[in-house]
């Protein structure tokens, strides 16, 4: 008789221990998940914001162009610059868009061939090219061409490249792997894509 009741006690104790462990695991998970959500949603600030990029470069005068809140939210960048530069001498213009994120995985879905097409543009072509900076450095890039269908008849040429942890890359393959899917828990601005 005694063995039967000690078996019931042992079974009850095991069940109580299992339920307690399950509850504690759930509480631990919720605590970790809320901390991770806070870390992931907190912007990582640059030591010098992109807004400090020169507004005047030679004969080119820049004017900041606002980006709608919903677009900023979808892009998920930690900082960005969208500026229209106009050459005073010949009225030529160029739009400069720089996006910074210390969470490279967020950039993989925000490439010109995705965002422009999502905005109603038709992607005509992409070619690999390079340009030479004023300091003589060769920079590999993609030149992408888009047009807006009738009746708009507008065309855009996008010169696109990325800086990934200080290294120039011409496409998103450099930051689209599994390693870049992990959250930047440390908030390190040196782990980035622009």
N, C-alpha and C. Protein backbone atom coordinates (compact mmCIF):
# COMPACT_ATOMS: atom_id res chain seq x y z
N UNK A 1 0.81 -1.19 0.00
CA UNK A 1 0.00 0.00 0.00
C UNK A 1 0.85 1.25 0.00
N UNK A 2 1.93 1.23 0.79
CA UNK A 2 2.79 2.40 0.87
C UNK A 2 3.43 2.71 -0.48
N UNK A 3 3.82 1.67 -1.20
CA UNK A 3 4.48 1.89 -2.48
C UNK A 3 3.53 2.56 -3.48
N UNK A 4 2.28 2.18 -3.45
CA UNK A 4 1.31 2.78 -4.35
C UNK A 4 1.16 4.27 -4.08
N UNK A 5 1.07 4.68 -2.82
CA UNK A 5 0.90 6.09 -2.52
C UNK A 5 2.19 6.87 -2.78
N UNK A 6 3.37 6.30 -2.57
CA UNK A 6 4.60 7.03 -2.90
C UNK A 6 4.75 7.18 -4.41
N UNK A 7 4.24 6.23 -5.18
CA UNK A 7 4.24 6.36 -6.64
C UNK A 7 3.35 7.49 -7.09
N UNK A 8 2.20 7.65 -6.42
CA UNK A 8 1.30 8.75 -6.75
C UNK A 8 1.94 10.08 -6.40
N UNK A 9 2.64 10.13 -5.28
CA UNK A 9 3.32 11.37 -4.87
C UNK A 9 4.41 11.71 -5.88
N UNK A 10 5.18 10.72 -6.29
CA UNK A 10 6.26 10.96 -7.25
C UNK A 10 5.70 11.44 -8.59
N UNK A 11 4.62 10.84 -9.05
CA UNK A 11 4.00 11.25 -10.31
C UNK A 11 3.45 12.67 -10.19
N UNK A 12 2.80 12.97 -9.08
CA UNK A 12 2.28 14.32 -8.86
C UNK A 12 3.39 15.35 -8.78
N UNK A 13 4.49 14.98 -8.14
CA UNK A 13 5.64 15.88 -8.03
C UNK A 13 6.26 16.15 -9.40
N UNK A 14 6.35 15.12 -10.21
CA UNK A 14 6.90 15.27 -11.57
C UNK A 14 6.00 16.20 -12.39
N UNK A 15 4.69 16.02 -12.30
CA UNK A 15 3.77 16.89 -13.04
C UNK A 15 3.86 18.34 -12.55
N UNK A 16 3.93 18.53 -11.26
CA UNK A 16 4.03 19.89 -10.70
C UNK A 16 5.33 20.54 -11.15
N UNK A 17 6.42 19.77 -11.13
CA UNK A 17 7.71 20.29 -11.58
C UNK A 17 7.67 20.64 -13.07
N UNK A 18 7.05 19.78 -13.87
CA UNK A 18 6.94 20.03 -15.32
C UNK A 18 6.14 21.30 -15.60
N UNK A 19 5.01 21.46 -14.91
CA UNK A 19 4.17 22.65 -15.11
C UNK A 19 4.92 23.91 -14.66
N UNK A 20 5.62 23.82 -13.54
CA UNK A 20 6.41 24.97 -13.05
C UNK A 20 7.49 25.35 -14.05
N UNK A 21 8.19 24.35 -14.60
CA UNK A 21 9.24 24.63 -15.59
C UNK A 21 8.64 25.24 -16.85
N UNK A 22 7.48 24.76 -17.25
CA UNK A 22 6.81 25.30 -18.43
C UNK A 22 6.43 26.77 -18.21
N UNK A 23 5.90 27.09 -17.06
CA UNK A 23 5.52 28.47 -16.75
C UNK A 23 6.76 29.36 -16.70
N UNK A 24 7.82 28.90 -16.04
CA UNK A 24 9.05 29.70 -15.95
C UNK A 24 9.68 29.89 -17.33
N UNK A 25 9.63 28.86 -18.17
CA UNK A 25 10.15 28.99 -19.54
C UNK A 25 9.37 30.03 -20.32
N UNK A 26 8.04 30.01 -20.19
CA UNK A 26 7.21 31.00 -20.87
C UNK A 26 7.50 32.41 -20.41
N UNK A 27 7.69 32.57 -19.10
CA UNK A 27 8.01 33.90 -18.57
C UNK A 27 9.37 34.37 -19.07
N UNK A 28 10.35 33.46 -19.09
CA UNK A 28 11.68 33.79 -19.59
C UNK A 28 11.65 34.18 -21.06
N UNK A 29 10.88 33.42 -21.85
CA UNK A 29 10.75 33.73 -23.27
C UNK A 29 10.13 35.11 -23.48
N UNK A 30 9.07 35.41 -22.76
CA UNK A 30 8.42 36.72 -22.90
C UNK A 30 9.36 37.86 -22.54
N UNK A 31 10.14 37.67 -21.48
CA UNK A 31 11.10 38.68 -21.07
C UNK A 31 12.16 38.88 -22.14
N UNK A 32 12.71 37.78 -22.66
CA UNK A 32 13.73 37.86 -23.71
C UNK A 32 13.15 38.48 -24.97
N UNK A 33 11.95 38.06 -25.37
CA UNK A 33 11.32 38.57 -26.59
C UNK A 33 11.05 40.07 -26.49
N UNK A 34 10.59 40.54 -25.32
CA UNK A 34 10.32 41.98 -25.18
C UNK A 34 11.63 42.77 -25.21
N UNK A 35 12.68 42.23 -24.62
CA UNK A 35 14.00 42.90 -24.65
C UNK A 35 14.53 42.94 -26.08
N UNK A 36 14.41 41.84 -26.81
CA UNK A 36 14.88 41.77 -28.19
C UNK A 36 14.09 42.73 -29.07
N UNK A 37 12.78 42.81 -28.86
CA UNK A 37 11.94 43.73 -29.64
C UNK A 37 12.38 45.17 -29.39
N UNK A 38 12.65 45.51 -28.14
CA UNK A 38 13.10 46.85 -27.80
C UNK A 38 14.43 47.16 -28.49
N UNK A 39 15.36 46.22 -28.47
CA UNK A 39 16.67 46.41 -29.09
C UNK A 39 16.53 46.57 -30.60
N UNK A 40 15.73 45.72 -31.23
CA UNK A 40 15.58 45.74 -32.68
C UNK A 40 14.87 47.01 -33.14
N UNK A 41 13.93 47.52 -32.36
CA UNK A 41 13.16 48.70 -32.77
C UNK A 41 13.81 50.02 -32.40
N UNK A 42 14.89 50.00 -31.62
CA UNK A 42 15.57 51.22 -31.23
C UNK A 42 16.57 51.61 -32.32
N UNK A 43 16.43 52.79 -32.93
CA UNK A 43 17.38 53.19 -33.97
C UNK A 43 18.80 53.30 -33.42
N UNK A 44 19.75 52.94 -34.27
CA UNK A 44 21.16 53.06 -33.92
C UNK A 44 21.66 54.36 -34.54
N UNK A 45 22.13 55.26 -33.71
CA UNK A 45 22.51 56.58 -34.21
C UNK A 45 23.97 56.62 -34.64
N UNK A 46 24.21 57.36 -35.68
CA UNK A 46 25.56 57.57 -36.18
C UNK A 46 26.25 58.66 -35.36
N UNK A 47 27.56 58.58 -35.23
CA UNK A 47 28.28 59.66 -34.54
C UNK A 47 28.07 61.02 -35.23
N UNK A 48 28.00 61.00 -36.57
CA UNK A 48 27.70 62.21 -37.35
C UNK A 48 26.50 61.86 -38.24
N UNK A 49 25.35 62.49 -38.03
CA UNK A 49 24.15 62.17 -38.82
C UNK A 49 24.36 62.45 -40.31
N UNK A 50 23.66 61.71 -41.15
CA UNK A 50 23.76 61.91 -42.60
C UNK A 50 23.33 63.32 -43.01
N UNK A 51 22.51 63.97 -42.22
CA UNK A 51 22.07 65.33 -42.53
C UNK A 51 23.24 66.32 -42.55
N UNK A 52 24.38 65.93 -41.97
CA UNK A 52 25.57 66.79 -41.98
C UNK A 52 26.35 66.70 -43.29
N UNK A 53 25.91 65.84 -44.21
CA UNK A 53 26.54 65.74 -45.53
C UNK A 53 26.44 67.11 -46.18
N UNK A 54 27.50 67.58 -46.85
CA UNK A 54 27.49 68.96 -47.39
C UNK A 54 26.30 69.23 -48.32
N UNK A 55 25.65 70.35 -48.09
CA UNK A 55 24.53 70.77 -48.94
C UNK A 55 25.04 71.47 -50.20
N UNK A 56 26.25 71.96 -50.15
CA UNK A 56 26.85 72.62 -51.32
C UNK A 56 28.14 71.90 -51.67
N UNK A 57 28.21 71.41 -52.91
CA UNK A 57 29.40 70.71 -53.40
C UNK A 57 29.77 71.36 -54.73
N UNK A 58 30.81 72.16 -54.70
CA UNK A 58 31.20 72.88 -55.92
C UNK A 58 30.06 73.77 -56.38
N UNK A 59 29.62 73.55 -57.62
CA UNK A 59 28.51 74.34 -58.17
C UNK A 59 27.14 73.72 -57.89
N UNK A 60 27.13 72.65 -57.16
CA UNK A 60 25.89 71.94 -56.87
C UNK A 60 25.33 72.38 -55.53
N UNK A 61 24.06 72.81 -55.54
CA UNK A 61 23.36 73.21 -54.31
C UNK A 61 22.30 72.15 -53.99
N UNK A 62 22.31 71.71 -52.74
CA UNK A 62 21.38 70.66 -52.34
C UNK A 62 20.19 71.18 -51.56
N UNK A 63 19.07 70.52 -51.76
CA UNK A 63 17.84 70.85 -51.03
C UNK A 63 17.26 69.53 -50.52
N UNK A 64 17.03 69.44 -49.20
CA UNK A 64 16.49 68.21 -48.63
C UNK A 64 15.06 67.98 -49.10
N UNK A 65 14.79 66.74 -49.50
CA UNK A 65 13.46 66.35 -49.95
C UNK A 65 12.89 65.39 -48.91
N UNK A 66 11.76 65.74 -48.29
CA UNK A 66 11.19 64.85 -47.26
C UNK A 66 10.71 63.52 -47.84
N UNK A 67 10.78 62.50 -47.03
CA UNK A 67 10.26 61.19 -47.39
C UNK A 67 9.06 60.93 -46.49
N UNK A 68 7.93 60.51 -47.06
CA UNK A 68 6.73 60.28 -46.25
C UNK A 68 6.99 59.30 -45.09
N UNK A 69 6.30 59.53 -43.98
CA UNK A 69 6.46 58.70 -42.77
C UNK A 69 6.26 57.22 -43.06
N UNK A 70 5.23 56.89 -43.86
CA UNK A 70 4.97 55.47 -44.12
C UNK A 70 6.11 54.81 -44.88
N UNK A 71 6.76 55.54 -45.79
CA UNK A 71 7.91 55.01 -46.52
C UNK A 71 9.09 54.83 -45.56
N UNK A 72 9.30 55.79 -44.68
CA UNK A 72 10.37 55.67 -43.69
C UNK A 72 10.15 54.45 -42.79
N UNK A 73 8.92 54.25 -42.39
CA UNK A 73 8.60 53.12 -41.51
C UNK A 73 8.85 51.79 -42.21
N UNK A 74 8.46 51.68 -43.47
CA UNK A 74 8.65 50.45 -44.23
C UNK A 74 10.13 50.19 -44.48
N UNK A 75 10.88 51.24 -44.81
CA UNK A 75 12.31 51.08 -45.08
C UNK A 75 13.07 50.65 -43.83
N UNK A 76 12.67 51.17 -42.69
CA UNK A 76 13.30 50.75 -41.43
C UNK A 76 14.75 51.16 -41.28
N UNK A 77 15.15 52.26 -41.88
CA UNK A 77 16.54 52.71 -41.78
C UNK A 77 16.78 53.45 -40.47
N UNK A 78 18.02 53.41 -40.01
CA UNK A 78 18.39 54.14 -38.80
C UNK A 78 18.64 55.62 -39.10
N UNK A 79 19.04 55.93 -40.33
CA UNK A 79 19.24 57.31 -40.76
C UNK A 79 19.16 57.32 -42.28
N UNK A 80 18.79 58.46 -42.86
CA UNK A 80 18.75 58.57 -44.31
C UNK A 80 18.94 60.02 -44.72
N UNK A 81 19.30 60.18 -45.98
CA UNK A 81 19.42 61.51 -46.57
C UNK A 81 18.80 61.43 -47.95
N UNK A 82 17.87 62.31 -48.24
CA UNK A 82 17.27 62.40 -49.57
C UNK A 82 17.38 63.85 -49.99
N UNK A 83 18.28 64.12 -50.91
CA UNK A 83 18.58 65.50 -51.25
C UNK A 83 18.67 65.68 -52.77
N UNK A 84 18.07 66.74 -53.25
CA UNK A 84 18.13 67.10 -54.66
C UNK A 84 19.23 68.14 -54.84
N UNK A 85 20.20 67.83 -55.70
CA UNK A 85 21.29 68.77 -56.00
C UNK A 85 21.07 69.35 -57.39
N UNK A 86 21.19 70.67 -57.49
CA UNK A 86 21.04 71.36 -58.77
C UNK A 86 22.33 72.11 -59.06
N UNK A 87 22.84 71.93 -60.29
CA UNK A 87 24.05 72.62 -60.72
C UNK A 87 23.67 74.04 -61.13
N UNK A 88 24.26 75.02 -60.45
CA UNK A 88 23.92 76.43 -60.69
C UNK A 88 24.24 76.88 -62.12
N UNK A 89 25.29 76.32 -62.70
CA UNK A 89 25.74 76.83 -64.00
C UNK A 89 24.91 76.32 -65.18
N UNK A 90 24.39 75.09 -65.12
CA UNK A 90 23.68 74.57 -66.28
C UNK A 90 22.30 73.98 -65.96
N UNK A 91 21.86 74.12 -64.72
CA UNK A 91 20.54 73.66 -64.28
C UNK A 91 20.35 72.14 -64.34
N UNK A 92 21.44 71.36 -64.41
CA UNK A 92 21.33 69.91 -64.33
C UNK A 92 20.99 69.55 -62.89
N UNK A 93 20.40 68.38 -62.70
CA UNK A 93 20.07 67.97 -61.34
C UNK A 93 20.39 66.50 -61.12
N UNK A 94 20.58 66.16 -59.87
CA UNK A 94 20.81 64.77 -59.46
C UNK A 94 20.20 64.60 -58.07
N UNK A 95 19.52 63.50 -57.88
CA UNK A 95 18.95 63.21 -56.57
C UNK A 95 19.89 62.24 -55.85
N UNK A 96 20.22 62.56 -54.61
CA UNK A 96 21.08 61.71 -53.79
C UNK A 96 20.25 61.11 -52.68
N UNK A 97 20.25 59.79 -52.62
CA UNK A 97 19.55 59.10 -51.54
C UNK A 97 20.56 58.18 -50.86
N UNK A 98 20.77 58.37 -49.57
CA UNK A 98 21.66 57.52 -48.78
C UNK A 98 20.83 56.99 -47.63
N UNK A 99 20.86 55.68 -47.46
CA UNK A 99 20.16 55.05 -46.34
C UNK A 99 21.20 54.31 -45.50
N UNK A 100 21.12 54.48 -44.18
CA UNK A 100 22.02 53.78 -43.26
C UNK A 100 21.21 52.86 -42.38
N UNK A 101 21.67 51.64 -42.26
CA UNK A 101 21.07 50.73 -41.30
C UNK A 101 22.15 49.88 -40.66
N UNK A 102 22.08 49.76 -39.36
CA UNK A 102 23.00 48.88 -38.64
C UNK A 102 22.41 47.48 -38.52
N UNK A 103 21.33 47.25 -39.23
CA UNK A 103 20.70 45.93 -39.30
C UNK A 103 20.61 45.56 -40.78
N UNK A 104 21.71 45.06 -41.36
CA UNK A 104 21.75 44.82 -42.81
C UNK A 104 20.60 44.00 -43.36
N UNK A 105 20.01 43.12 -42.57
CA UNK A 105 18.91 42.30 -43.08
C UNK A 105 17.73 43.15 -43.53
N UNK A 106 17.58 44.36 -42.96
CA UNK A 106 16.44 45.20 -43.36
C UNK A 106 16.62 45.80 -44.75
N UNK A 107 17.85 45.84 -45.25
CA UNK A 107 18.10 46.45 -46.56
C UNK A 107 17.81 45.50 -47.72
N UNK A 108 17.80 44.19 -47.48
CA UNK A 108 17.69 43.24 -48.59
C UNK A 108 16.39 43.42 -49.38
N UNK A 109 15.33 43.86 -48.77
CA UNK A 109 14.08 44.06 -49.49
C UNK A 109 13.90 45.46 -50.04
N UNK A 110 14.91 46.32 -49.87
CA UNK A 110 14.76 47.72 -50.28
C UNK A 110 15.83 48.11 -51.30
N UNK A 111 15.83 47.37 -52.39
CA UNK A 111 16.73 47.67 -53.50
C UNK A 111 15.95 48.44 -54.55
N UNK A 112 16.62 49.21 -55.41
CA UNK A 112 15.89 49.98 -56.42
C UNK A 112 14.94 49.12 -57.27
N UNK A 113 15.38 47.93 -57.67
CA UNK A 113 14.52 47.10 -58.53
C UNK A 113 13.29 46.58 -57.79
N UNK A 114 13.27 46.68 -56.47
CA UNK A 114 12.09 46.31 -55.69
C UNK A 114 11.24 47.55 -55.41
N UNK A 115 11.87 48.59 -54.89
CA UNK A 115 11.13 49.79 -54.47
C UNK A 115 10.55 50.58 -55.64
N UNK A 116 11.34 50.75 -56.71
CA UNK A 116 10.81 51.49 -57.85
C UNK A 116 9.63 50.75 -58.48
N UNK A 117 9.79 49.45 -58.67
CA UNK A 117 8.70 48.66 -59.26
C UNK A 117 7.47 48.71 -58.35
N UNK A 118 7.68 48.65 -57.04
CA UNK A 118 6.58 48.77 -56.10
C UNK A 118 5.89 50.12 -56.18
N UNK A 119 6.61 51.14 -56.66
CA UNK A 119 6.05 52.48 -56.81
C UNK A 119 5.46 52.74 -58.19
N UNK A 120 5.32 51.68 -59.02
CA UNK A 120 4.69 51.84 -60.32
C UNK A 120 5.64 52.00 -61.50
N UNK A 121 6.95 51.99 -61.25
CA UNK A 121 7.93 52.12 -62.33
C UNK A 121 8.17 50.77 -62.99
N UNK A 122 8.59 50.80 -64.24
CA UNK A 122 8.94 49.58 -64.96
C UNK A 122 10.46 49.52 -65.05
N UNK A 123 11.00 48.37 -64.63
CA UNK A 123 12.45 48.17 -64.63
C UNK A 123 12.87 47.76 -66.04
N UNK A 124 13.69 48.59 -66.69
CA UNK A 124 14.12 48.31 -68.06
C UNK A 124 15.41 47.51 -68.13
N UNK A 125 16.39 47.87 -67.31
CA UNK A 125 17.67 47.17 -67.39
C UNK A 125 18.53 47.43 -66.17
N UNK A 126 19.48 46.53 -65.96
CA UNK A 126 20.50 46.70 -64.93
C UNK A 126 21.82 46.28 -65.56
N UNK A 127 22.81 47.12 -65.43
CA UNK A 127 24.14 46.75 -65.93
C UNK A 127 25.19 47.07 -64.86
N UNK A 128 26.23 46.26 -64.85
CA UNK A 128 27.33 46.49 -63.92
C UNK A 128 28.27 47.51 -64.55
N UNK A 129 28.72 48.44 -63.74
CA UNK A 129 29.61 49.48 -64.23
C UNK A 129 30.55 49.89 -63.10
N UNK A 130 31.28 50.94 -63.32
CA UNK A 130 32.10 51.52 -62.26
C UNK A 130 32.33 52.99 -62.57
N UNK A 131 32.62 53.74 -61.54
CA UNK A 131 33.00 55.13 -61.72
C UNK A 131 34.26 55.37 -60.91
N UNK A 132 34.93 56.47 -61.21
CA UNK A 132 36.16 56.81 -60.51
C UNK A 132 35.89 58.05 -59.68
N UNK A 133 36.18 57.96 -58.39
CA UNK A 133 35.96 59.10 -57.49
C UNK A 133 37.01 60.18 -57.74
N UNK A 134 36.80 61.35 -57.17
CA UNK A 134 37.77 62.44 -57.34
C UNK A 134 39.13 62.09 -56.74
N UNK A 135 39.15 61.14 -55.81
CA UNK A 135 40.43 60.71 -55.22
C UNK A 135 41.08 59.60 -56.03
N UNK A 136 40.42 59.17 -57.12
CA UNK A 136 40.98 58.15 -57.98
C UNK A 136 40.54 56.72 -57.66
N UNK A 137 39.68 56.55 -56.71
CA UNK A 137 39.22 55.21 -56.33
C UNK A 137 38.15 54.72 -57.29
N UNK A 138 38.30 53.48 -57.74
CA UNK A 138 37.30 52.87 -58.62
C UNK A 138 36.19 52.25 -57.76
N UNK A 139 34.96 52.58 -58.10
CA UNK A 139 33.81 52.11 -57.33
C UNK A 139 32.90 51.31 -58.26
N UNK A 140 32.74 50.00 -57.97
CA UNK A 140 31.81 49.17 -58.74
C UNK A 140 30.39 49.55 -58.36
N UNK A 141 29.52 49.55 -59.35
CA UNK A 141 28.13 49.94 -59.09
C UNK A 141 27.21 49.26 -60.09
N UNK A 142 25.94 49.41 -59.85
CA UNK A 142 24.92 48.98 -60.79
C UNK A 142 24.26 50.23 -61.36
N UNK A 143 24.02 50.22 -62.65
CA UNK A 143 23.26 51.30 -63.29
C UNK A 143 21.92 50.68 -63.70
N UNK A 144 20.87 51.19 -63.10
CA UNK A 144 19.54 50.64 -63.34
C UNK A 144 18.67 51.70 -64.00
N UNK A 145 17.93 51.26 -64.99
CA UNK A 145 17.06 52.18 -65.74
C UNK A 145 15.59 51.78 -65.52
N UNK A 146 14.78 52.81 -65.29
CA UNK A 146 13.35 52.62 -65.04
C UNK A 146 12.57 53.63 -65.87
N UNK A 147 11.34 53.31 -66.19
CA UNK A 147 10.46 54.31 -66.79
C UNK A 147 9.06 54.16 -66.21
N UNK A 148 8.35 55.26 -66.21
CA UNK A 148 6.96 55.28 -65.74
C UNK A 148 6.09 55.11 -66.99
N UNK A 149 5.11 54.21 -66.94
CA UNK A 149 4.27 54.00 -68.12
C UNK A 149 3.43 55.23 -68.46
N UNK A 150 2.88 55.21 -69.69
CA UNK A 150 2.06 56.31 -70.17
C UNK A 150 0.94 56.58 -69.17
N UNK A 151 0.51 57.77 -69.00
CA UNK A 151 0.82 58.98 -69.75
C UNK A 151 2.02 59.75 -69.21
N UNK A 152 2.71 59.25 -68.19
CA UNK A 152 3.76 60.03 -67.53
C UNK A 152 5.04 60.17 -68.36
N UNK A 153 5.47 59.13 -69.01
CA UNK A 153 6.67 59.16 -69.87
C UNK A 153 7.91 59.71 -69.17
N UNK A 154 8.08 59.35 -67.94
CA UNK A 154 9.26 59.79 -67.18
C UNK A 154 10.26 58.64 -67.11
N UNK A 155 11.55 58.96 -67.16
CA UNK A 155 12.60 57.96 -67.05
C UNK A 155 13.53 58.30 -65.90
N UNK A 156 14.09 57.26 -65.28
CA UNK A 156 15.07 57.46 -64.20
C UNK A 156 16.24 56.52 -64.42
N UNK A 157 17.42 57.03 -64.14
CA UNK A 157 18.63 56.21 -64.15
C UNK A 157 19.17 56.25 -62.72
N UNK A 158 19.36 55.07 -62.14
CA UNK A 158 19.80 54.95 -60.76
C UNK A 158 21.19 54.33 -60.72
N UNK A 159 22.13 55.04 -60.12
CA UNK A 159 23.46 54.50 -59.87
C UNK A 159 23.43 53.97 -58.44
N UNK A 160 23.69 52.69 -58.28
CA UNK A 160 23.45 52.04 -57.00
C UNK A 160 24.67 51.23 -56.56
N UNK A 161 25.09 51.44 -55.31
CA UNK A 161 26.10 50.58 -54.70
C UNK A 161 25.90 50.63 -53.19
N UNK A 162 26.57 49.74 -52.50
CA UNK A 162 26.43 49.63 -51.05
C UNK A 162 27.80 49.71 -50.40
N UNK A 163 27.82 50.19 -49.18
CA UNK A 163 29.02 50.12 -48.34
C UNK A 163 28.64 49.21 -47.19
N UNK A 164 29.30 48.08 -47.11
CA UNK A 164 29.00 47.06 -46.11
C UNK A 164 30.20 46.94 -45.18
N UNK A 165 30.04 47.45 -43.96
CA UNK A 165 31.13 47.43 -42.98
C UNK A 165 32.43 47.99 -43.56
N UNK A 166 32.32 49.09 -44.29
CA UNK A 166 33.49 49.76 -44.83
C UNK A 166 33.95 49.25 -46.18
N UNK A 167 33.35 48.19 -46.69
CA UNK A 167 33.73 47.61 -47.98
C UNK A 167 32.66 47.95 -49.02
N UNK A 168 33.11 48.35 -50.21
CA UNK A 168 32.18 48.65 -51.30
C UNK A 168 31.70 47.35 -51.94
N UNK A 169 30.41 47.22 -52.11
CA UNK A 169 29.82 46.08 -52.83
C UNK A 169 28.77 46.63 -53.79
N UNK A 170 28.67 45.99 -54.96
CA UNK A 170 27.76 46.53 -55.97
C UNK A 170 26.36 45.95 -55.91
N UNK A 171 26.17 44.88 -55.12
CA UNK A 171 24.82 44.32 -55.03
C UNK A 171 24.55 43.80 -53.63
N UNK A 172 23.32 43.36 -53.42
CA UNK A 172 22.88 42.97 -52.08
C UNK A 172 23.37 41.60 -51.65
N UNK A 173 24.02 40.84 -52.51
CA UNK A 173 24.46 39.50 -52.13
C UNK A 173 25.42 39.53 -50.94
N UNK A 174 26.14 40.62 -50.78
CA UNK A 174 27.09 40.74 -49.67
C UNK A 174 26.44 40.74 -48.30
N UNK A 175 25.17 41.08 -48.21
CA UNK A 175 24.51 41.14 -46.90
C UNK A 175 23.18 40.40 -46.87
N UNK A 176 23.00 39.44 -47.78
CA UNK A 176 21.72 38.74 -47.81
C UNK A 176 21.78 37.34 -47.22
N UNK A 177 22.91 36.92 -46.70
CA UNK A 177 23.04 35.57 -46.14
C UNK A 177 22.49 35.46 -44.73
N UNK A 178 22.59 34.25 -44.21
CA UNK A 178 22.07 33.94 -42.88
C UNK A 178 22.78 34.76 -41.80
N UNK A 179 24.06 35.01 -41.96
CA UNK A 179 24.82 35.75 -40.94
C UNK A 179 24.24 37.13 -40.69
N UNK A 180 23.64 37.75 -41.70
CA UNK A 180 23.10 39.11 -41.55
C UNK A 180 21.67 39.11 -41.06
N UNK A 181 21.10 37.95 -40.81
CA UNK A 181 19.73 37.87 -40.30
C UNK A 181 19.69 38.04 -38.79
N UNK A 182 20.82 37.91 -38.12
CA UNK A 182 20.84 38.04 -36.67
C UNK A 182 20.70 39.51 -36.28
N UNK A 183 19.99 39.80 -35.21
CA UNK A 183 19.82 41.19 -34.79
C UNK A 183 21.12 41.77 -34.26
N UNK A 184 21.29 43.06 -34.44
CA UNK A 184 22.47 43.78 -33.95
C UNK A 184 22.19 44.17 -32.50
N UNK A 185 22.27 43.19 -31.61
CA UNK A 185 21.91 43.41 -30.20
C UNK A 185 22.81 44.44 -29.54
N UNK A 186 24.08 44.47 -29.94
CA UNK A 186 25.04 45.40 -29.33
C UNK A 186 24.77 46.85 -29.75
N UNK A 187 23.97 47.06 -30.81
CA UNK A 187 23.71 48.42 -31.28
C UNK A 187 24.94 49.06 -31.90
N UNK A 188 25.78 48.24 -32.50
CA UNK A 188 27.05 48.70 -33.05
C UNK A 188 26.85 49.39 -34.39
N UNK A 189 27.10 50.72 -34.49
CA UNK A 189 26.93 51.40 -35.77
C UNK A 189 27.99 51.00 -36.79
N UNK A 190 29.05 50.30 -36.36
CA UNK A 190 30.09 49.87 -37.29
C UNK A 190 29.66 48.65 -38.10
N UNK A 191 28.57 48.02 -37.73
CA UNK A 191 28.02 46.90 -38.50
C UNK A 191 26.86 47.48 -39.29
N UNK A 192 27.07 47.75 -40.55
CA UNK A 192 26.09 48.56 -41.26
C UNK A 192 26.06 48.29 -42.76
N UNK A 193 25.03 48.84 -43.38
CA UNK A 193 24.91 48.93 -44.83
C UNK A 193 24.44 50.34 -45.14
N UNK A 194 25.07 50.98 -46.12
CA UNK A 194 24.59 52.27 -46.62
C UNK A 194 24.44 52.19 -48.11
